[in-house]
Amino acid sequence: MSVNDDQTWAAKAACASEPPDALFVRGAAQREARTRCFRCEVRMQCLADALESGAVFGVWGGLTERERRALMRQYPHIEDWSEWLRSDDPAAVDIREPGAPRIITRAKRTEVPVR
C-alpha cells in the first residue's frame, strides 16, 4: 500500500489543526512552517506523499518546493519515495534528521556542468 492509498497519517500531522495557507508561504515564513514539520510524528509520510503526488507548492514534510524539485532531479529513478526515505542513502538519512536538510547544497555538488 502506498502513502497515497492511506491518508490517515494526515490527521496526526502537527499542522492538522492549522489553516492550510500556513504551509503555502514564501521566504521567512517557510522557515517557520518547516520548524513545525521537524517536530511532526508523520513528517516522512507527508514528504513521501508530496514526492509521489508531485506536489508543486508549499512546505511538505519539512521540505520546500525548491528542495523537493532538487531531490527529484537528483533521484529521477525513485519509484517508491516511502521506501527510499527509510533507506541508508546519505540524503535520506539527512532528511530524517530533525532539522533543515542540505538538499540544495548536495544537489549542487553532484550536478554535472553543462558544456
PDB file of N, CA and C in Angstrom:
ATOM      1  N   MET A   1       0.844  -1.173   0.000  1.00  0.00           N
ATOM      2  CA  MET A   1       0.000   0.000   0.000  1.00  0.00           C
ATOM      3  C   MET A   1       0.887   1.234   0.000  1.00  0.00           C
ATOM      4  N   SER A   2       0.656   2.142  -0.904  1.00  0.00           N
ATOM      5  CA  SER A   2       1.457   3.364  -0.956  1.00  0.00           C
ATOM      6  C   SER A   2       0.867   4.413  -0.025  1.00  0.00           C
ATOM      7  N   VAL A   3       1.642   5.433   0.222  1.00  0.00           N
ATOM      8  CA  VAL A   3       1.195   6.531   1.068  1.00  0.00           C
ATOM      9  C   VAL A   3      -0.083   7.135   0.505  1.00  0.00           C
ATOM     10  N   ASN A   4      -0.185   7.220  -0.814  1.00  0.00           N
ATOM     11  CA  ASN A   4      -1.357   7.821  -1.435  1.00  0.00           C
ATOM     12  C   ASN A   4      -2.640   7.040  -1.169  1.00  0.00           C
ATOM     13  N   ASP A   5      -2.547   5.750  -0.894  1.00  0.00           N
ATOM     14  CA  ASP A   5      -3.720   4.927  -0.656  1.00  0.00           C
ATOM     15  C   ASP A   5      -4.296   5.128   0.739  1.00  0.00           C
ATOM     16  N   ASP A   6      -3.467   5.491   1.699  1.00  0.00           N
ATOM     17  CA  ASP A   6      -3.900   5.613   3.084  1.00  0.00           C
ATOM     18  C   ASP A   6      -3.495   6.984   3.610  1.00  0.00           C
ATOM     19  N   GLN A   7      -4.449   7.856   3.759  1.00  0.00           N
ATOM     20  CA  GLN A   7      -4.175   9.223   4.200  1.00  0.00           C
ATOM     21  C   GLN A   7      -4.433   9.419   5.698  1.00  0.00           C
ATOM     22  N   THR A   8      -4.586   8.350   6.483  1.00  0.00           N
ATOM     23  CA  THR A   8      -4.879   8.507   7.908  1.00  0.00           C
ATOM     24  C   THR A   8      -3.759   9.221   8.654  1.00  0.00           C
ATOM     25  N   TRP A   9      -2.557   9.195   8.109  1.00  0.00           N
ATOM     26  CA  TRP A   9      -1.443   9.895   8.750  1.00  0.00           C
ATOM     27  C   TRP A   9      -1.715  11.391   8.846  1.00  0.00           C
ATOM     28  N   ALA A  10      -2.468  11.946   7.918  1.00  0.00           N
ATOM     29  CA  ALA A  10      -2.700  13.395   7.866  1.00  0.00           C
ATOM     30  C   ALA A  10      -3.396  13.911   9.121  1.00  0.00           C
ATOM     31  N   ALA A  11      -4.240  13.108   9.741  1.00  0.00           N
ATOM     32  CA  ALA A  11      -4.926  13.534  10.961  1.00  0.00           C
ATOM     33  C   ALA A  11      -3.954  13.700  12.125  1.00  0.00           C
ATOM     34  N   LYS A  12      -2.810  13.035  12.063  1.00  0.00           N
ATOM     35  CA  LYS A  12      -1.806  13.105  13.129  1.00  0.00           C
ATOM     36  C   LYS A  12      -0.779  14.207  12.896  1.00  0.00           C
ATOM     37  N   ALA A  13      -0.865  14.892  11.767  1.00  0.00           N
ATOM     38  CA  ALA A  13       0.131  15.900  11.408  1.00  0.00           C
ATOM     39  C   ALA A  13       0.102  17.080  12.381  1.00  0.00           C
ATOM     40  N   ALA A  14       1.275  17.628  12.652  1.00  0.00           N
ATOM     41  CA  ALA A  14       1.394  18.778  13.544  1.00  0.00           C
ATOM     42  C   ALA A  14       0.627  19.978  13.005  1.00  0.00           C
ATOM     43  N   CYS A  15       0.413  20.027  11.711  1.00  0.00           N
ATOM     44  CA  CYS A  15      -0.273  21.160  11.080  1.00  0.00           C
ATOM     45  C   CYS A  15      -1.755  20.901  10.868  1.00  0.00           C
ATOM     46  N   ALA A  16      -2.268  19.762  11.304  1.00  0.00           N
ATOM     47  CA  ALA A  16      -3.646  19.373  11.012  1.00  0.00           C
ATOM     48  C   ALA A  16      -4.679  20.380  11.514  1.00  0.00           C
ATOM     49  N   SER A  17      -4.392  21.057  12.594  1.00  0.00           N
ATOM     50  CA  SER A  17      -5.365  21.995  13.153  1.00  0.00           C
ATOM     51  C   SER A  17      -5.115  23.444  12.722  1.00  0.00           C
ATOM     52  N   GLU A  18      -4.151  23.632  11.852  1.00  0.00           N
ATOM     53  CA  GLU A  18      -3.823  24.982  11.398  1.00  0.00           C
ATOM     54  C   GLU A  18      -4.440  25.252  10.029  1.00  0.00           C
ATOM     55  N   PRO A  19      -4.584  26.540   9.688  1.00  0.00           N
ATOM     56  CA  PRO A  19      -5.101  26.852   8.354  1.00  0.00           C
ATOM     57  C   PRO A  19      -4.136  26.345   7.286  1.00  0.00           C
ATOM     58  N   PRO A  20      -4.622  25.714   6.238  1.00  0.00           N
ATOM     59  CA  PRO A  20      -3.745  25.188   5.190  1.00  0.00           C
ATOM     60  C   PRO A  20      -2.821  26.253   4.589  1.00  0.00           C
ATOM     61  N   ASP A  21      -3.281  27.491   4.538  1.00  0.00           N
ATOM     62  CA  ASP A  21      -2.462  28.562   3.965  1.00  0.00           C
ATOM     63  C   ASP A  21      -1.148  28.752   4.714  1.00  0.00           C
ATOM     64  N   ALA A  22      -1.064  28.288   5.954  1.00  0.00           N
ATOM     65  CA  ALA A  22       0.166  28.440   6.740  1.00  0.00           C
ATOM     66  C   ALA A  22       1.327  27.662   6.127  1.00  0.00           C
ATOM     67  N   LEU A  23       1.037  26.689   5.287  1.00  0.00           N
ATOM     68  CA  LEU A  23       2.081  25.881   4.665  1.00  0.00           C
ATOM     69  C   LEU A  23       2.389  26.308   3.233  1.00  0.00           C
ATOM     70  N   PHE A  24       1.627  27.231   2.723  1.00  0.00           N
ATOM     71  CA  PHE A  24       1.815  27.695   1.353  1.00  0.00           C
ATOM     72  C   PHE A  24       2.280  29.149   1.379  1.00  0.00           C
ATOM     73  N   VAL A  25       3.471  29.314   1.913  1.00  0.00           N
ATOM     74  CA  VAL A  25       4.060  30.637   2.145  1.00  0.00           C
ATOM     75  C   VAL A  25       5.415  30.730   1.468  1.00  0.00           C
ATOM     76  N   ARG A  26       6.007  31.891   1.499  1.00  0.00           N
ATOM     77  CA  ARG A  26       7.318  32.118   0.889  1.00  0.00           C
ATOM     78  C   ARG A  26       8.251  32.758   1.899  1.00  0.00           C
ATOM     79  N   GLY A  27       9.535  32.750   1.560  1.00  0.00           N
ATOM     80  CA  GLY A  27      10.547  33.453   2.357  1.00  0.00           C
ATOM     81  C   GLY A  27      10.662  32.975   3.788  1.00  0.00           C
ATOM     82  N   ALA A  28      10.776  33.923   4.704  1.00  0.00           N
ATOM     83  CA  ALA A  28      10.986  33.601   6.117  1.00  0.00           C
ATOM     84  C   ALA A  28       9.852  32.762   6.693  1.00  0.00           C
ATOM     85  N   ALA A  29       8.648  32.940   6.176  1.00  0.00           N
ATOM     86  CA  ALA A  29       7.508  32.167   6.660  1.00  0.00           C
ATOM     87  C   ALA A  29       7.688  30.674   6.381  1.00  0.00           C
ATOM     88  N   GLN A  30       8.431  30.336   5.325  1.00  0.00           N
ATOM     89  CA  GLN A  30       8.705  28.917   5.048  1.00  0.00           C
ATOM     90  C   GLN A  30       9.544  28.309   6.165  1.00  0.00           C
ATOM     91  N   ARG A  31      10.495  29.075   6.672  1.00  0.00           N
ATOM     92  CA  ARG A  31      11.329  28.560   7.774  1.00  0.00           C
ATOM     93  C   ARG A  31      10.471  28.249   8.988  1.00  0.00           C
ATOM     94  N   GLU A  32       9.504  29.106   9.273  1.00  0.00           N
ATOM     95  CA  GLU A  32       8.602  28.861  10.398  1.00  0.00           C
ATOM     96  C   GLU A  32       7.768  27.609  10.174  1.00  0.00           C
ATOM     97  N   ALA A  33       7.258  27.455   8.974  1.00  0.00           N
ATOM     98  CA  ALA A  33       6.451  26.276   8.646  1.00  0.00           C
ATOM     99  C   ALA A  33       7.287  25.007   8.767  1.00  0.00           C
ATOM    100  N   ARG A  34       8.513  25.078   8.290  1.00  0.00           N
ATOM    101  CA  ARG A  34       9.402  23.913   8.351  1.00  0.00           C
ATOM    102  C   ARG A  34       9.694  23.504   9.782  1.00  0.00           C
ATOM    103  N   THR A  35       9.868  24.480  10.653  1.00  0.00           N
ATOM    104  CA  THR A  35      10.164  24.185  12.053  1.00  0.00           C
ATOM    105  C   THR A  35       9.065  23.318  12.654  1.00  0.00           C
ATOM    106  N   ARG A  36       7.830  23.613  12.318  1.00  0.00           N
ATOM    107  CA  ARG A  36       6.705  22.810  12.771  1.00  0.00           C
ATOM    108  C   ARG A  36       6.844  21.373  12.256  1.00  0.00           C
ATOM    109  N   CYS A  37       7.237  21.246  11.010  1.00  0.00           N
ATOM    110  CA  CYS A  37       7.380  19.921  10.388  1.00  0.00           C
ATOM    111  C   CYS A  37       8.419  19.064  11.118  1.00  0.00           C
ATOM    112  N   PHE A  38       9.512  19.662  11.537  1.00  0.00           N
ATOM    113  CA  PHE A  38      10.591  18.882  12.132  1.00  0.00           C
ATOM    114  C   PHE A  38      10.196  18.261  13.462  1.00  0.00           C
ATOM    115  N   ARG A  39       9.112  18.727  14.055  1.00  0.00           N
ATOM    116  CA  ARG A  39       8.614  18.147  15.309  1.00  0.00           C
ATOM    117  C   ARG A  39       7.457  17.178  15.063  1.00  0.00           C
ATOM    118  N   CYS A  40       7.093  16.973  13.806  1.00  0.00           N
ATOM    119  CA  CYS A  40       5.901  16.206  13.458  1.00  0.00           C
ATOM    120  C   CYS A  40       6.186  14.704  13.389  1.00  0.00           C
ATOM    121  N   GLU A  41       5.316  13.927  13.979  1.00  0.00           N
ATOM    122  CA  GLU A  41       5.498  12.474  14.004  1.00  0.00           C
ATOM    123  C   GLU A  41       5.248  11.801  12.660  1.00  0.00           C
ATOM    124  N   VAL A  42       4.561  12.475  11.741  1.00  0.00           N
ATOM    125  CA  VAL A  42       4.249  11.874  10.444  1.00  0.00           C
ATOM    126  C   VAL A  42       4.954  12.606   9.298  1.00  0.00           C
ATOM    127  N   ARG A  43       6.047  13.252   9.604  1.00  0.00           N
ATOM    128  CA  ARG A  43       6.769  14.052   8.612  1.00  0.00           C
ATOM    129  C   ARG A  43       7.193  13.238   7.387  1.00  0.00           C
ATOM    130  N   MET A  44       7.696  12.030   7.574  1.00  0.00           N
ATOM    131  CA  MET A  44       8.155  11.231   6.436  1.00  0.00           C
ATOM    132  C   MET A  44       6.989  10.783   5.563  1.00  0.00           C
ATOM    133  N   GLN A  45       5.849  10.457   6.169  1.00  0.00           N
ATOM    134  CA  GLN A  45       4.677  10.088   5.376  1.00  0.00           C
ATOM    135  C   GLN A  45       4.215  11.286   4.539  1.00  0.00           C
ATOM    136  N   CYS A  46       4.233  12.462   5.143  1.00  0.00           N
ATOM    137  CA  CYS A  46       3.830  13.684   4.455  1.00  0.00           C
ATOM    138  C   CYS A  46       4.759  13.957   3.269  1.00  0.00           C
ATOM    139  N   LEU A  47       6.055  13.852   3.520  1.00  0.00           N
ATOM    140  CA  LEU A  47       7.023  14.111   2.457  1.00  0.00           C
ATOM    141  C   LEU A  47       6.899  13.086   1.339  1.00  0.00           C
ATOM    142  N   ALA A  48       6.772  11.819   1.697  1.00  0.00           N
ATOM    143  CA  ALA A  48       6.617  10.774   0.675  1.00  0.00           C
ATOM    144  C   ALA A  48       5.370  11.026  -0.164  1.00  0.00           C
ATOM    145  N   ASP A  49       4.287  11.418   0.468  1.00  0.00           N
ATOM    146  CA  ASP A  49       3.060  11.703  -0.256  1.00  0.00           C
ATOM    147  C   ASP A  49       3.267  12.860  -1.234  1.00  0.00           C
ATOM    148  N   ALA A  50       3.942  13.912  -0.780  1.00  0.00           N
ATOM    149  CA  ALA A  50       4.191  15.064  -1.648  1.00  0.00           C
ATOM    150  C   ALA A  50       5.072  14.690  -2.833  1.00  0.00           C
ATOM    151  N   LEU A  51       6.098  13.881  -2.591  1.00  0.00           N
ATOM    152  CA  LEU A  51       7.011  13.472  -3.662  1.00  0.00           C
ATOM    153  C   LEU A  51       6.312  12.541  -4.652  1.00  0.00           C
ATOM    154  N   GLU A  52       5.515  11.617  -4.133  1.00  0.00           N
ATOM    155  CA  GLU A  52       4.831  10.668  -5.004  1.00  0.00           C
ATOM    156  C   GLU A  52       3.718  11.326  -5.810  1.00  0.00           C
ATOM    157  N   SER A  53       3.093  12.350  -5.257  1.00  0.00           N
ATOM    158  CA  SER A  53       1.996  13.006  -5.967  1.00  0.00           C
ATOM    159  C   SER A  53       2.472  14.192  -6.797  1.00  0.00           C
ATOM    160  N   GLY A  54       3.748  14.572  -6.635  1.00  0.00           N
ATOM    161  CA  GLY A  54       4.290  15.697  -7.392  1.00  0.00           C
ATOM    162  C   GLY A  54       3.780  17.042  -6.912  1.00  0.00           C
ATOM    163  N   ALA A  55       3.534  17.169  -5.607  1.00  0.00           N
ATOM    164  CA  ALA A  55       3.064  18.449  -5.048  1.00  0.00           C
ATOM    165  C   ALA A  55       4.037  19.553  -5.443  1.00  0.00           C
ATOM    166  N   VAL A  56       3.511  20.588  -6.026  1.00  0.00           N
ATOM    167  CA  VAL A  56       4.341  21.659  -6.577  1.00  0.00           C
ATOM    168  C   VAL A  56       4.552  22.787  -5.581  1.00  0.00           C
ATOM    169  N   PHE A  57       3.552  23.121  -4.790  1.00  0.00           N
ATOM    170  CA  PHE A  57       3.627  24.275  -3.911  1.00  0.00           C
ATOM    171  C   PHE A  57       3.590  23.869  -2.447  1.00  0.00           C
ATOM    172  N   GLY A  58       4.128  24.726  -1.606  1.00  0.00           N
ATOM    173  CA  GLY A  58       4.014  24.560  -0.167  1.00  0.00           C
ATOM    174  C   GLY A  58       5.148  23.790   0.468  1.00  0.00           C
ATOM    175  N   VAL A  59       5.111  23.776   1.789  1.00  0.00           N
ATOM    176  CA  VAL A  59       6.058  23.018   2.598  1.00  0.00           C
ATOM    177  C   VAL A  59       5.387  21.693   2.936  1.00  0.00           C
ATOM    178  N   TRP A  60       6.047  20.612   2.608  1.00  0.00           N
ATOM    179  CA  TRP A  60       5.540  19.258   2.875  1.00  0.00           C
ATOM    180  C   TRP A  60       6.662  18.456   3.508  1.00  0.00           C
ATOM    181  N   GLY A  61       6.416  17.883   4.665  1.00  0.00           N
ATOM    182  CA  GLY A  61       7.418  17.056   5.317  1.00  0.00           C
ATOM    183  C   GLY A  61       8.711  17.803   5.623  1.00  0.00           C
ATOM    184  N   GLY A  62       8.612  19.099   5.758  1.00  0.00           N
ATOM    185  CA  GLY A  62       9.797  19.892   6.093  1.00  0.00           C
ATOM    186  C   GLY A  62      10.602  20.368   4.904  1.00  0.00           C
ATOM    187  N   LEU A  63      10.166  20.056   3.685  1.00  0.00           N
ATOM    188  CA  LEU A  63      10.896  20.498   2.502  1.00  0.00           C
ATOM    189  C   LEU A  63      10.080  21.516   1.719  1.00  0.00           C
ATOM    190  N   THR A  64      10.768  22.496   1.203  1.00  0.00           N
ATOM    191  CA  THR A  64      10.129  23.494   0.352  1.00  0.00           C
ATOM    192  C   THR A  64       9.978  22.919  -1.048  1.00  0.00           C
ATOM    193  N   GLU A  65       9.213  23.631  -1.872  1.00  0.00           N
ATOM    194  CA  GLU A  65       9.063  23.161  -3.260  1.00  0.00           C
ATOM    195  C   GLU A  65      10.406  23.111  -3.980  1.00  0.00           C
ATOM    196  N   ARG A  66      11.270  24.064  -3.705  1.00  0.00           N
ATOM    197  CA  ARG A  66      12.595  24.089  -4.344  1.00  0.00           C
ATOM    198  C   ARG A  66      13.427  22.867  -3.932  1.00  0.00           C
ATOM    199  N   GLU A  67      13.368  22.519  -2.662  1.00  0.00           N
ATOM    200  CA  GLU A  67      14.112  21.347  -2.184  1.00  0.00           C
ATOM    201  C   GLU A  67      13.549  20.060  -2.768  1.00  0.00           C
ATOM    202  N   ARG A  68      12.233  19.967  -2.867  1.00  0.00           N
ATOM    203  CA  ARG A  68      11.637  18.754  -3.448  1.00  0.00           C
ATOM    204  C   ARG A  68      12.004  18.614  -4.914  1.00  0.00           C
ATOM    205  N   ARG A  69      11.994  19.731  -5.649  1.00  0.00           N
ATOM    206  CA  ARG A  69      12.403  19.676  -7.064  1.00  0.00           C
ATOM    207  C   ARG A  69      13.850  19.213  -7.180  1.00  0.00           C
ATOM    208  N   ALA A  70      14.733  19.744  -6.340  1.00  0.00           N
ATOM    209  CA  ALA A  70      16.145  19.349  -6.370  1.00  0.00           C
ATOM    210  C   ALA A  70      16.290  17.866  -6.055  1.00  0.00           C
ATOM    211  N   LEU A  71      15.538  17.384  -5.095  1.00  0.00           N
ATOM    212  CA  LEU A  71      15.594  15.974  -4.718  1.00  0.00           C
ATOM    213  C   LEU A  71      15.116  15.087  -5.870  1.00  0.00           C
ATOM    214  N   MET A  72      14.033  15.482  -6.524  1.00  0.00           N
ATOM    215  CA  MET A  72      13.514  14.678  -7.639  1.00  0.00           C
ATOM    216  C   MET A  72      14.449  14.705  -8.844  1.00  0.00           C
ATOM    217  N   ARG A  73      15.142  15.822  -9.040  1.00  0.00           N
ATOM    218  CA  ARG A  73      16.139  15.877 -10.126  1.00  0.00           C
ATOM    219  C   ARG A  73      17.331  14.985  -9.794  1.00  0.00           C
ATOM    220  N   GLN A  74      17.720  14.967  -8.536  1.00  0.00           N
ATOM    221  CA  GLN A  74      18.874  14.176  -8.118  1.00  0.00           C
ATOM    222  C   GLN A  74      18.571  12.676  -8.122  1.00  0.00           C
ATOM    223  N   TYR A  75      17.313  12.309  -7.908  1.00  0.00           N
ATOM    224  CA  TYR A  75      16.908  10.895  -7.841  1.00  0.00           C
ATOM    225  C   TYR A  75      15.726  10.629  -8.776  1.00  0.00           C
ATOM    226  N   PRO A  76      15.904  10.794 -10.079  1.00  0.00           N
ATOM    227  CA  PRO A  76      14.780  10.623 -11.006  1.00  0.00           C
ATOM    228  C   PRO A  76      14.280   9.184 -11.116  1.00  0.00           C
ATOM    229  N   HIS A  77      15.061   8.235 -10.684  1.00  0.00           N
ATOM    230  CA  HIS A  77      14.699   6.820 -10.816  1.00  0.00           C
ATOM    231  C   HIS A  77      13.839   6.299  -9.664  1.00  0.00           C
ATOM    232  N   ILE A  78      13.650   7.070  -8.619  1.00  0.00           N
ATOM    233  CA  ILE A  78      12.908   6.594  -7.450  1.00  0.00           C
ATOM    234  C   ILE A  78      11.443   6.404  -7.811  1.00  0.00           C
ATOM    235  N   GLU A  79      10.932   5.211  -7.525  1.00  0.00           N
ATOM    236  CA  GLU A  79       9.527   4.912  -7.771  1.00  0.00           C
ATOM    237  C   GLU A  79       8.726   4.854  -6.483  1.00  0.00           C
ATOM    238  N   ASP A  80       9.383   4.543  -5.373  1.00  0.00           N
ATOM    239  CA  ASP A  80       8.703   4.451  -4.082  1.00  0.00           C
ATOM    240  C   ASP A  80       9.450   5.342  -3.087  1.00  0.00           C
ATOM    241  N   TRP A  81       8.953   6.563  -2.925  1.00  0.00           N
ATOM    242  CA  TRP A  81       9.628   7.523  -2.051  1.00  0.00           C
ATOM    243  C   TRP A  81       9.576   7.101  -0.592  1.00  0.00           C
ATOM    244  N   SER A  82       8.520   6.430  -0.172  1.00  0.00           N
ATOM    245  CA  SER A  82       8.439   5.959   1.219  1.00  0.00           C
ATOM    246  C   SER A  82       9.595   5.020   1.523  1.00  0.00           C
ATOM    247  N   GLU A  83       9.820   4.100   0.609  1.00  0.00           N
ATOM    248  CA  GLU A  83      10.908   3.136   0.781  1.00  0.00           C
ATOM    249  C   GLU A  83      12.260   3.857   0.775  1.00  0.00           C
ATOM    250  N   TRP A  84      12.451   4.769  -0.169  1.00  0.00           N
ATOM    251  CA  TRP A  84      13.728   5.486  -0.266  1.00  0.00           C
ATOM    252  C   TRP A  84      13.990   6.308   0.992  1.00  0.00           C
ATOM    253  N   LEU A  85      12.959   6.955   1.535  1.00  0.00           N
ATOM    254  CA  LEU A  85      13.139   7.768   2.736  1.00  0.00           C
ATOM    255  C   LEU A  85      13.559   6.937   3.944  1.00  0.00           C
ATOM    256  N   ARG A  86      13.278   5.652   3.925  1.00  0.00           N
ATOM    257  CA  ARG A  86      13.714   4.754   5.009  1.00  0.00           C
ATOM    258  C   ARG A  86      15.090   4.158   4.746  1.00  0.00           C
ATOM    259  N   SER A  87      15.646   4.414   3.568  1.00  0.00           N
ATOM    260  CA  SER A  87      16.914   3.791   3.158  1.00  0.00           C
ATOM    261  C   SER A  87      18.113   4.413   3.866  1.00  0.00           C
ATOM    262  N   ASP A  88      19.289   3.823   3.606  1.00  0.00           N
ATOM    263  CA  ASP A  88      20.529   4.350   4.191  1.00  0.00           C
ATOM    264  C   ASP A  88      21.265   5.283   3.237  1.00  0.00           C
ATOM    265  N   ASP A  89      20.591   5.717   2.166  1.00  0.00           N
ATOM    266  CA  ASP A  89      21.178   6.714   1.273  1.00  0.00           C
ATOM    267  C   ASP A  89      21.491   7.954   2.119  1.00  0.00           C
ATOM    268  N   PRO A  90      22.683   8.544   1.958  1.00  0.00           N
ATOM    269  CA  PRO A  90      23.056   9.703   2.777  1.00  0.00           C
ATOM    270  C   PRO A  90      22.040  10.846   2.732  1.00  0.00           C
ATOM    271  N   ALA A  91      21.423  11.085   1.596  1.00  0.00           N
ATOM    272  CA  ALA A  91      20.426  12.156   1.511  1.00  0.00           C
ATOM    273  C   ALA A  91      19.179  11.802   2.317  1.00  0.00           C
ATOM    274  N   ALA A  92      18.758  10.550   2.281  1.00  0.00           N
ATOM    275  CA  ALA A  92      17.590  10.115   3.052  1.00  0.00           C
ATOM    276  C   ALA A  92      17.875  10.215   4.547  1.00  0.00           C
ATOM    277  N   VAL A  93      19.072   9.832   4.940  1.00  0.00           N
ATOM    278  CA  VAL A  93      19.463   9.939   6.350  1.00  0.00           C
ATOM    279  C   VAL A  93      19.428  11.409   6.773  1.00  0.00           C
ATOM    280  N   ASP A  94      19.953  12.280   5.941  1.00  0.00           N
ATOM    281  CA  ASP A  94      19.958  13.719   6.221  1.00  0.00           C
ATOM    282  C   ASP A  94      18.537  14.253   6.363  1.00  0.00           C
ATOM    283  N   ILE A  95      17.651  13.835   5.503  1.00  0.00           N
ATOM    284  CA  ILE A  95      16.263  14.294   5.541  1.00  0.00           C
ATOM    285  C   ILE A  95      15.571  13.845   6.811  1.00  0.00           C
ATOM    286  N   ARG A  96      15.885  12.659   7.302  1.00  0.00           N
ATOM    287  CA  ARG A  96      15.244  12.149   8.523  1.00  0.00           C
ATOM    288  C   ARG A  96      15.697  12.873   9.782  1.00  0.00           C
ATOM    289  N   GLU A  97      16.810  13.577   9.720  1.00  0.00           N
ATOM    290  CA  GLU A  97      17.297  14.321  10.886  1.00  0.00           C
ATOM    291  C   GLU A  97      16.321  15.454  11.217  1.00  0.00           C
ATOM    292  N   PRO A  98      16.203  15.810  12.498  1.00  0.00           N
ATOM    293  CA  PRO A  98      15.267  16.873  12.886  1.00  0.00           C
ATOM    294  C   PRO A  98      15.844  18.271  12.646  1.00  0.00           C
ATOM    295  N   GLY A  99      15.893  18.664  11.434  1.00  0.00           N
ATOM    296  CA  GLY A  99      16.409  19.979  11.070  1.00  0.00           C
ATOM    297  C   GLY A  99      16.454  20.102   9.564  1.00  0.00           C
ATOM    298  N   ALA A 100      16.813  21.288   9.106  1.00  0.00           N
ATOM    299  CA  ALA A 100      16.836  21.548   7.669  1.00  0.00           C
ATOM    300  C   ALA A 100      17.888  20.697   6.970  1.00  0.00           C
ATOM    301  N   PRO A 101      17.477  19.872   6.021  1.00  0.00           N
ATOM    302  CA  PRO A 101      18.441  19.051   5.282  1.00  0.00           C
ATOM    303  C   PRO A 101      19.229  19.901   4.292  1.00  0.00           C
ATOM    304  N   ARG A 102      20.319  19.362   3.810  1.00  0.00           N
ATOM    305  CA  ARG A 102      21.186  20.080   2.883  1.00  0.00           C
ATOM    306  C   ARG A 102      20.965  19.604   1.444  1.00  0.00           C
ATOM    307  N   ILE A 103      19.738  19.540   1.046  1.00  0.00           N
ATOM    308  CA  ILE A 103      19.390  19.001  -0.273  1.00  0.00           C
ATOM    309  C   ILE A 103      19.925  19.877  -1.396  1.00  0.00           C
ATOM    310  N   ILE A 104      19.719  21.161  -1.308  1.00  0.00           N
ATOM    311  CA  ILE A 104      20.155  22.068  -2.374  1.00  0.00           C
ATOM    312  C   ILE A 104      21.675  22.024  -2.494  1.00  0.00           C
ATOM    313  N   THR A 105      22.376  22.083  -1.372  1.00  0.00           N
ATOM    314  CA  THR A 105      23.841  22.029  -1.381  1.00  0.00           C
ATOM    315  C   THR A 105      24.322  20.707  -1.956  1.00  0.00           C
ATOM    316  N   ARG A 106      23.704  19.615  -1.534  1.00  0.00           N
ATOM    317  CA  ARG A 106      24.078  18.283  -2.021  1.00  0.00           C
ATOM    318  C   ARG A 106      23.829  18.175  -3.517  1.00  0.00           C
ATOM    319  N   ALA A 107      22.701  18.719  -3.991  1.00  0.00           N
ATOM    320  CA  ALA A 107      22.375  18.653  -5.427  1.00  0.00           C
ATOM    321  C   ALA A 107      23.370  19.450  -6.246  1.00  0.00           C
ATOM    322  N   LYS A 108      23.786  20.602  -5.756  1.00  0.00           N
ATOM    323  CA  LYS A 108      24.752  21.416  -6.486  1.00  0.00           C
ATOM    324  C   LYS A 108      26.102  20.729  -6.598  1.00  0.00           C
ATOM    325  N   ARG A 109      26.489  19.986  -5.570  1.00  0.00           N
ATOM    326  CA  ARG A 109      27.770  19.271  -5.605  1.00  0.00           C
ATOM    327  C   ARG A 109      27.763  18.136  -6.605  1.00  0.00           C
ATOM    328  N   THR A 110      26.580  17.557  -6.858  1.00  0.00           N
ATOM    329  CA  THR A 110      26.517  16.398  -7.745  1.00  0.00           C
ATOM    330  C   THR A 110      26.125  16.752  -9.170  1.00  0.00           C
ATOM    331  N   GLU A 111      25.776  18.008  -9.426  1.00  0.00           N
ATOM    332  CA  GLU A 111      25.401  18.395 -10.784  1.00  0.00           C
ATOM    333  C   GLU A 111      26.601  18.325 -11.728  1.00  0.00           C
ATOM    334  N   VAL A 112      26.333  17.884 -12.918  1.00  0.00           N
ATOM    335  CA  VAL A 112      27.372  17.821 -13.950  1.00  0.00           C
ATOM    336  C   VAL A 112      27.305  19.120 -14.733  1.00  0.00           C
ATOM    337  N   PRO A 113      28.428  19.824 -14.855  1.00  0.00           N
ATOM    338  CA  PRO A 113      28.400  21.094 -15.581  1.00  0.00           C
ATOM    339  C   PRO A 113      28.051  20.879 -17.063  1.00  0.00           C
ATOM    340  N   VAL A 114      27.251  21.792 -17.585  1.00  0.00           N
ATOM    341  CA  VAL A 114      26.877  21.750 -18.990  1.00  0.00           C
ATOM    342  C   VAL A 114      27.961  22.471 -19.789  1.00  0.00           C
ATOM    343  N   ARG A 115      28.413  21.844 -20.865  1.00  0.00           N
ATOM    344  CA  ARG A 115      29.467  22.448 -21.689  1.00  0.00           C
ATOM    345  C   ARG A 115      28.955  22.791 -23.033  1.00  0.00           C
TER     346      ARG A 115
END
